[in-house]
Amino acid sequence: MEKIYIVCLFFFLLFGSGHGGVPPFWRDTVVTMTNLIGGPPLTIHCKSKQDDLGPHVVPFRQEYHFKFQPNLWKSTLFFCSFQWANQFKWFDIFDAQRDQGLCDQCHWEIKPDGPCRLGKKAKCFPWK
């Protein structure tokens, strides 16, 4: 009987209420990118191995965001292209090896010389 209680407790902790129906160990991560390029709108197109989020046109000082659940193996990767005027750049906007644990709400400022992650351990990165 004790084993049944332990199994029930495990499932309650894993799939318990209070997380909007999402198991507590797989919380959503939200990536927000603010266009600080200036000039013409910025076109952002993000993908992972499993998902293609399509192109999004983001005016100056506006933002684009998406959410997902990182996997348990810390191998989640979302890469994005950034296009404006005659420029075309790439960057891994979420790399679990780099970002998981630093941000559940990952805020980025997209600038002409590269993206900058805000918050804990804020850092600017060069384009790929």
N, C-alpha and C. Protein backbone atom coordinates (compact mmCIF):
# COMPACT_ATOMS: atom_id res chain seq x y z
N MET A 1 0.81 -1.19 0.00
CA MET A 1 0.00 0.00 0.00
C MET A 1 0.87 1.27 0.00
N GLU A 2 2.00 1.20 0.71
CA GLU A 2 2.90 2.35 0.76
C GLU A 2 3.43 2.69 -0.62
N LYS A 3 3.70 1.69 -1.45
CA LYS A 3 4.19 1.91 -2.81
C LYS A 3 3.16 2.66 -3.64
N ILE A 4 1.90 2.36 -3.44
CA ILE A 4 0.84 3.06 -4.18
C ILE A 4 0.82 4.53 -3.80
N TYR A 5 0.97 4.84 -2.51
CA TYR A 5 1.02 6.23 -2.08
C TYR A 5 2.21 6.96 -2.68
N ILE A 6 3.33 6.31 -2.72
CA ILE A 6 4.52 6.93 -3.30
C ILE A 6 4.32 7.20 -4.78
N VAL A 7 3.74 6.25 -5.51
CA VAL A 7 3.47 6.44 -6.94
C VAL A 7 2.47 7.57 -7.14
N CYS A 8 1.42 7.60 -6.31
CA CYS A 8 0.42 8.69 -6.42
C CYS A 8 1.06 10.04 -6.12
N LEU A 9 1.90 10.10 -5.10
CA LEU A 9 2.59 11.34 -4.77
C LEU A 9 3.48 11.79 -5.92
N PHE A 10 4.20 10.86 -6.52
CA PHE A 10 5.06 11.17 -7.65
C PHE A 10 4.25 11.79 -8.80
N PHE A 11 3.13 11.16 -9.16
CA PHE A 11 2.31 11.68 -10.25
C PHE A 11 1.68 13.02 -9.89
N PHE A 12 1.30 13.21 -8.64
CA PHE A 12 0.75 14.50 -8.25
C PHE A 12 1.81 15.60 -8.39
N LEU A 13 3.02 15.30 -7.92
CA LEU A 13 4.09 16.30 -8.05
C LEU A 13 4.46 16.57 -9.49
N LEU A 14 4.43 15.53 -10.31
CA LEU A 14 4.81 15.67 -11.71
C LEU A 14 3.74 16.39 -12.52
N PHE A 15 2.47 16.01 -12.29
CA PHE A 15 1.38 16.55 -13.10
C PHE A 15 0.37 17.33 -12.29
N GLY A 16 0.73 17.77 -11.11
CA GLY A 16 -0.19 18.45 -10.21
C GLY A 16 -0.72 19.75 -10.77
N SER A 17 -1.80 20.23 -10.17
CA SER A 17 -2.41 21.48 -10.61
C SER A 17 -1.58 22.66 -10.13
N GLY A 18 -1.99 23.84 -10.55
CA GLY A 18 -1.28 25.04 -10.14
C GLY A 18 -0.28 25.53 -11.17
N HIS A 19 -0.16 24.84 -12.29
CA HIS A 19 0.78 25.26 -13.34
C HIS A 19 0.07 25.39 -14.67
N GLY A 20 -1.23 25.68 -14.64
CA GLY A 20 -1.95 25.87 -15.89
C GLY A 20 -2.01 24.61 -16.72
N GLY A 21 -1.99 23.46 -16.09
CA GLY A 21 -2.05 22.21 -16.84
C GLY A 21 -0.71 21.75 -17.34
N VAL A 22 0.34 22.54 -17.10
CA VAL A 22 1.67 22.18 -17.56
C VAL A 22 2.42 21.53 -16.41
N PRO A 23 3.03 20.38 -16.64
CA PRO A 23 3.80 19.77 -15.56
C PRO A 23 4.85 20.75 -15.04
N PRO A 24 5.06 20.79 -13.71
CA PRO A 24 5.95 21.81 -13.14
C PRO A 24 7.39 21.71 -13.59
N PHE A 25 7.83 20.57 -14.08
CA PHE A 25 9.23 20.42 -14.49
C PHE A 25 9.46 20.87 -15.92
N TRP A 26 8.39 21.20 -16.65
CA TRP A 26 8.51 21.62 -18.05
C TRP A 26 7.81 22.95 -18.24
N ARG A 27 8.32 23.95 -17.59
CA ARG A 27 7.72 25.29 -17.71
C ARG A 27 8.08 25.91 -19.05
N ASP A 28 7.20 26.77 -19.51
CA ASP A 28 7.44 27.48 -20.76
C ASP A 28 8.61 28.45 -20.62
N THR A 29 9.35 28.59 -21.69
CA THR A 29 10.35 29.64 -21.83
C THR A 29 9.80 30.60 -22.87
N VAL A 30 9.90 31.89 -22.61
CA VAL A 30 9.44 32.92 -23.54
C VAL A 30 10.66 33.70 -24.01
N VAL A 31 10.81 33.80 -25.32
CA VAL A 31 11.88 34.59 -25.93
C VAL A 31 11.23 35.84 -26.53
N THR A 32 11.72 36.99 -26.12
CA THR A 32 11.21 38.28 -26.63
C THR A 32 12.37 39.03 -27.27
N MET A 33 12.15 39.51 -28.49
CA MET A 33 13.17 40.27 -29.22
C MET A 33 12.62 41.65 -29.55
N THR A 34 13.37 42.69 -29.18
CA THR A 34 12.98 44.06 -29.46
C THR A 34 13.85 44.59 -30.60
N ASN A 35 13.22 45.14 -31.62
CA ASN A 35 13.93 45.70 -32.77
C ASN A 35 14.51 47.06 -32.42
N LEU A 36 15.84 47.12 -32.29
CA LEU A 36 16.54 48.39 -32.09
C LEU A 36 17.47 48.69 -33.27
N ILE A 37 17.15 48.10 -34.43
CA ILE A 37 17.95 48.29 -35.64
C ILE A 37 17.79 49.72 -36.16
N GLY A 38 16.56 50.26 -36.12
CA GLY A 38 16.27 51.57 -36.69
C GLY A 38 16.00 51.44 -38.18
N GLY A 39 15.47 52.48 -38.76
CA GLY A 39 15.20 52.45 -40.21
C GLY A 39 14.05 51.54 -40.57
N PRO A 40 14.20 50.76 -41.65
CA PRO A 40 13.10 49.91 -42.11
C PRO A 40 12.79 48.80 -41.10
N PRO A 41 11.60 48.21 -41.20
CA PRO A 41 11.24 47.13 -40.28
C PRO A 41 12.22 45.96 -40.38
N LEU A 42 12.31 45.21 -39.30
CA LEU A 42 13.16 44.03 -39.19
C LEU A 42 12.31 42.79 -39.43
N THR A 43 12.75 41.91 -40.32
CA THR A 43 12.06 40.64 -40.54
C THR A 43 12.80 39.56 -39.77
N ILE A 44 12.09 38.89 -38.86
CA ILE A 44 12.67 37.84 -38.02
C ILE A 44 12.02 36.52 -38.42
N HIS A 45 12.85 35.50 -38.64
CA HIS A 45 12.35 34.16 -38.98
C HIS A 45 13.09 33.15 -38.11
N CYS A 46 12.37 32.54 -37.15
CA CYS A 46 12.98 31.61 -36.20
C CYS A 46 12.54 30.18 -36.46
N LYS A 47 13.48 29.25 -36.20
CA LYS A 47 13.22 27.83 -36.41
C LYS A 47 13.96 27.02 -35.35
N SER A 48 13.47 25.80 -35.15
CA SER A 48 14.19 24.77 -34.41
C SER A 48 14.18 23.54 -35.31
N LYS A 49 14.70 22.42 -34.82
CA LYS A 49 14.63 21.18 -35.61
C LYS A 49 13.19 20.77 -35.87
N GLN A 50 12.31 21.05 -34.88
CA GLN A 50 10.92 20.61 -34.97
C GLN A 50 9.96 21.68 -35.45
N ASP A 51 10.28 22.94 -35.27
CA ASP A 51 9.32 24.02 -35.52
C ASP A 51 9.89 25.09 -36.43
N ASP A 52 9.05 25.56 -37.36
CA ASP A 52 9.36 26.73 -38.17
C ASP A 52 8.30 27.77 -37.81
N LEU A 53 8.71 28.84 -37.16
CA LEU A 53 7.77 29.84 -36.66
C LEU A 53 7.35 30.86 -37.72
N GLY A 54 7.95 30.78 -38.90
CA GLY A 54 7.59 31.67 -40.00
C GLY A 54 8.18 33.06 -39.82
N PRO A 55 8.13 33.85 -40.90
CA PRO A 55 8.68 35.22 -40.84
C PRO A 55 7.72 36.17 -40.13
N HIS A 56 8.29 37.13 -39.41
CA HIS A 56 7.52 38.15 -38.70
C HIS A 56 8.19 39.49 -38.93
N VAL A 57 7.41 40.47 -39.35
CA VAL A 57 7.92 41.82 -39.60
C VAL A 57 7.71 42.64 -38.33
N VAL A 58 8.80 43.18 -37.81
CA VAL A 58 8.77 43.89 -36.53
C VAL A 58 9.24 45.32 -36.74
N PRO A 59 8.36 46.30 -36.55
CA PRO A 59 8.76 47.70 -36.68
C PRO A 59 9.77 48.11 -35.60
N PHE A 60 10.45 49.21 -35.84
CA PHE A 60 11.43 49.76 -34.90
C PHE A 60 10.80 49.97 -33.53
N ARG A 61 11.51 49.54 -32.49
CA ARG A 61 11.11 49.63 -31.08
C ARG A 61 9.90 48.76 -30.72
N GLN A 62 9.51 47.87 -31.59
CA GLN A 62 8.44 46.90 -31.28
C GLN A 62 9.09 45.56 -31.01
N GLU A 63 8.30 44.60 -30.52
CA GLU A 63 8.88 43.31 -30.18
C GLU A 63 8.10 42.14 -30.78
N TYR A 64 8.81 41.05 -30.90
CA TYR A 64 8.24 39.76 -31.31
C TYR A 64 8.63 38.76 -30.23
N HIS A 65 7.68 37.89 -29.88
CA HIS A 65 8.00 36.87 -28.89
C HIS A 65 7.37 35.53 -29.26
N PHE A 66 7.95 34.47 -28.73
CA PHE A 66 7.38 33.13 -28.87
C PHE A 66 7.72 32.35 -27.61
N LYS A 67 6.95 31.27 -27.38
CA LYS A 67 7.22 30.45 -26.21
C LYS A 67 7.30 28.98 -26.59
N PHE A 68 7.97 28.22 -25.75
CA PHE A 68 8.20 26.81 -25.99
C PHE A 68 8.60 26.16 -24.68
N GLN A 69 8.71 24.86 -24.70
CA GLN A 69 9.19 24.12 -23.54
C GLN A 69 10.51 23.46 -23.89
N PRO A 70 11.59 23.86 -23.24
CA PRO A 70 12.89 23.22 -23.50
C PRO A 70 12.84 21.75 -23.11
N ASN A 71 13.63 20.95 -23.79
CA ASN A 71 13.66 19.53 -23.44
C ASN A 71 14.55 19.29 -22.22
N LEU A 72 14.46 18.09 -21.68
CA LEU A 72 15.22 17.75 -20.46
C LEU A 72 16.71 17.58 -20.71
N TRP A 73 17.11 17.36 -21.96
CA TRP A 73 18.50 17.05 -22.28
C TRP A 73 19.33 18.29 -22.57
N LYS A 74 18.75 19.48 -22.38
CA LYS A 74 19.45 20.75 -22.63
C LYS A 74 20.01 20.81 -24.06
N SER A 75 19.20 20.34 -25.01
CA SER A 75 19.64 20.41 -26.41
C SER A 75 18.70 21.29 -27.25
N THR A 76 17.74 21.97 -26.62
CA THR A 76 16.82 22.83 -27.36
C THR A 76 17.60 23.98 -27.99
N LEU A 77 17.32 24.22 -29.28
CA LEU A 77 18.01 25.28 -30.01
C LEU A 77 17.01 25.94 -30.96
N PHE A 78 16.86 27.24 -30.84
CA PHE A 78 16.10 28.05 -31.80
C PHE A 78 17.07 29.02 -32.45
N PHE A 79 17.13 28.99 -33.77
CA PHE A 79 17.99 29.90 -34.51
C PHE A 79 17.10 30.80 -35.35
N CYS A 80 17.54 32.04 -35.53
CA CYS A 80 16.73 33.03 -36.24
C CYS A 80 17.56 33.75 -37.30
N SER A 81 16.88 34.12 -38.38
CA SER A 81 17.48 35.03 -39.35
C SER A 81 16.88 36.41 -39.09
N PHE A 82 17.68 37.43 -39.36
CA PHE A 82 17.28 38.82 -39.16
C PHE A 82 17.62 39.57 -40.45
N GLN A 83 16.60 40.16 -41.05
CA GLN A 83 16.80 40.83 -42.33
C GLN A 83 16.25 42.25 -42.26
N TRP A 84 17.09 43.21 -42.67
CA TRP A 84 16.67 44.59 -42.77
C TRP A 84 17.50 45.25 -43.86
N ALA A 85 16.90 46.22 -44.53
CA ALA A 85 17.57 46.93 -45.64
C ALA A 85 18.31 45.91 -46.49
N ASN A 86 19.63 46.02 -46.62
CA ASN A 86 20.39 45.07 -47.43
C ASN A 86 21.19 44.10 -46.55
N GLN A 87 20.80 43.95 -45.29
CA GLN A 87 21.49 43.09 -44.34
C GLN A 87 20.73 41.78 -44.12
N PHE A 88 21.47 40.68 -43.94
CA PHE A 88 20.89 39.38 -43.62
C PHE A 88 21.83 38.70 -42.62
N LYS A 89 21.36 38.50 -41.39
CA LYS A 89 22.19 37.96 -40.31
C LYS A 89 21.50 36.75 -39.68
N TRP A 90 22.30 35.93 -38.96
CA TRP A 90 21.81 34.74 -38.24
C TRP A 90 22.29 34.79 -36.81
N PHE A 91 21.48 34.16 -35.91
CA PHE A 91 21.90 34.01 -34.52
C PHE A 91 21.08 32.93 -33.86
N ASP A 92 21.71 32.16 -32.96
CA ASP A 92 20.99 31.17 -32.15
C ASP A 92 20.36 31.92 -30.98
N ILE A 93 19.08 32.25 -31.09
CA ILE A 93 18.42 33.11 -30.11
C ILE A 93 18.15 32.38 -28.80
N PHE A 94 18.02 31.06 -28.85
CA PHE A 94 17.95 30.26 -27.62
C PHE A 94 18.77 29.00 -27.82
N ASP A 95 19.81 28.88 -27.05
CA ASP A 95 20.66 27.70 -27.03
C ASP A 95 20.64 27.21 -25.59
N ALA A 96 20.02 26.07 -25.34
CA ALA A 96 19.84 25.58 -23.98
C ALA A 96 21.16 25.48 -23.23
N GLN A 97 22.23 25.10 -23.91
CA GLN A 97 23.53 25.01 -23.25
C GLN A 97 23.98 26.37 -22.73
N ARG A 98 23.60 27.43 -23.42
CA ARG A 98 24.01 28.79 -23.04
C ARG A 98 22.98 29.48 -22.15
N ASP A 99 21.68 29.28 -22.45
CA ASP A 99 20.63 30.11 -21.86
C ASP A 99 19.77 29.45 -20.78
N GLN A 100 19.61 28.13 -20.84
CA GLN A 100 18.72 27.47 -19.88
C GLN A 100 19.28 27.65 -18.48
N GLY A 101 18.44 28.08 -17.56
CA GLY A 101 18.88 28.37 -16.21
C GLY A 101 19.18 29.85 -16.00
N LEU A 102 19.46 30.57 -17.09
CA LEU A 102 19.68 32.01 -16.99
C LEU A 102 18.38 32.78 -17.16
N CYS A 103 17.48 32.22 -17.98
CA CYS A 103 16.24 32.95 -18.23
C CYS A 103 15.10 32.01 -18.60
N ASP A 104 13.94 32.25 -17.96
CA ASP A 104 12.69 31.64 -18.41
C ASP A 104 11.96 32.66 -19.29
N GLN A 105 12.24 33.92 -19.04
CA GLN A 105 11.77 35.04 -19.85
C GLN A 105 13.03 35.65 -20.45
N CYS A 106 13.39 35.23 -21.64
CA CYS A 106 14.64 35.67 -22.27
C CYS A 106 14.37 36.90 -23.13
N HIS A 107 14.88 38.04 -22.71
CA HIS A 107 14.67 39.30 -23.43
C HIS A 107 15.94 39.66 -24.18
N TRP A 108 15.76 39.96 -25.47
CA TRP A 108 16.87 40.32 -26.35
C TRP A 108 16.60 41.67 -27.00
N GLU A 109 17.64 42.46 -27.13
CA GLU A 109 17.59 43.67 -27.96
C GLU A 109 18.38 43.37 -29.22
N ILE A 110 17.75 43.57 -30.37
CA ILE A 110 18.39 43.28 -31.65
C ILE A 110 18.94 44.59 -32.20
N LYS A 111 20.28 44.65 -32.30
CA LYS A 111 20.98 45.87 -32.72
C LYS A 111 21.77 45.57 -34.00
N PRO A 112 22.18 46.60 -34.75
CA PRO A 112 22.91 46.37 -36.00
C PRO A 112 24.17 45.52 -35.84
N ASP A 113 24.86 45.66 -34.71
CA ASP A 113 26.11 44.91 -34.54
C ASP A 113 25.93 43.56 -33.85
N GLY A 114 24.68 43.21 -33.49
CA GLY A 114 24.40 41.90 -32.90
C GLY A 114 23.34 41.97 -31.82
N PRO A 115 22.85 40.81 -31.38
CA PRO A 115 21.83 40.76 -30.34
C PRO A 115 22.43 40.86 -28.94
N CYS A 116 21.67 41.46 -28.02
CA CYS A 116 22.10 41.57 -26.63
C CYS A 116 21.05 40.94 -25.72
N ARG A 117 21.48 39.97 -24.91
CA ARG A 117 20.58 39.34 -23.94
C ARG A 117 20.57 40.21 -22.69
N LEU A 118 19.38 40.51 -22.21
CA LEU A 118 19.22 41.34 -21.02
C LEU A 118 19.01 40.43 -19.80
N GLY A 119 19.03 41.01 -18.61
CA GLY A 119 18.76 40.25 -17.39
C GLY A 119 20.02 39.69 -16.78
N LYS A 120 19.86 38.50 -16.13
CA LYS A 120 21.01 37.84 -15.49
C LYS A 120 22.11 37.63 -16.51
N LYS A 121 23.31 37.98 -16.12
CA LYS A 121 24.47 37.80 -16.99
C LYS A 121 24.23 38.40 -18.38
N ALA A 122 23.76 39.65 -18.40
CA ALA A 122 23.51 40.35 -19.66
C ALA A 122 24.78 40.32 -20.51
N LYS A 123 24.56 40.15 -21.82
CA LYS A 123 25.73 40.05 -22.71
C LYS A 123 25.30 40.32 -24.15
N CYS A 124 26.16 40.99 -24.87
CA CYS A 124 25.96 41.19 -26.30
C CYS A 124 26.80 40.17 -27.06
N PHE A 125 26.28 39.72 -28.19
CA PHE A 125 26.93 38.68 -28.99
C PHE A 125 27.10 39.19 -30.42
N PRO A 126 28.13 38.72 -31.10
CA PRO A 126 28.27 39.05 -32.54
C PRO A 126 27.32 38.18 -33.36
N TRP A 127 27.01 38.64 -34.56
CA TRP A 127 26.23 37.81 -35.49
C TRP A 127 27.03 36.58 -35.85
N LYS A 128 26.37 35.53 -36.24
CA LYS A 128 27.06 34.30 -36.68
C LYS A 128 27.52 34.47 -38.12
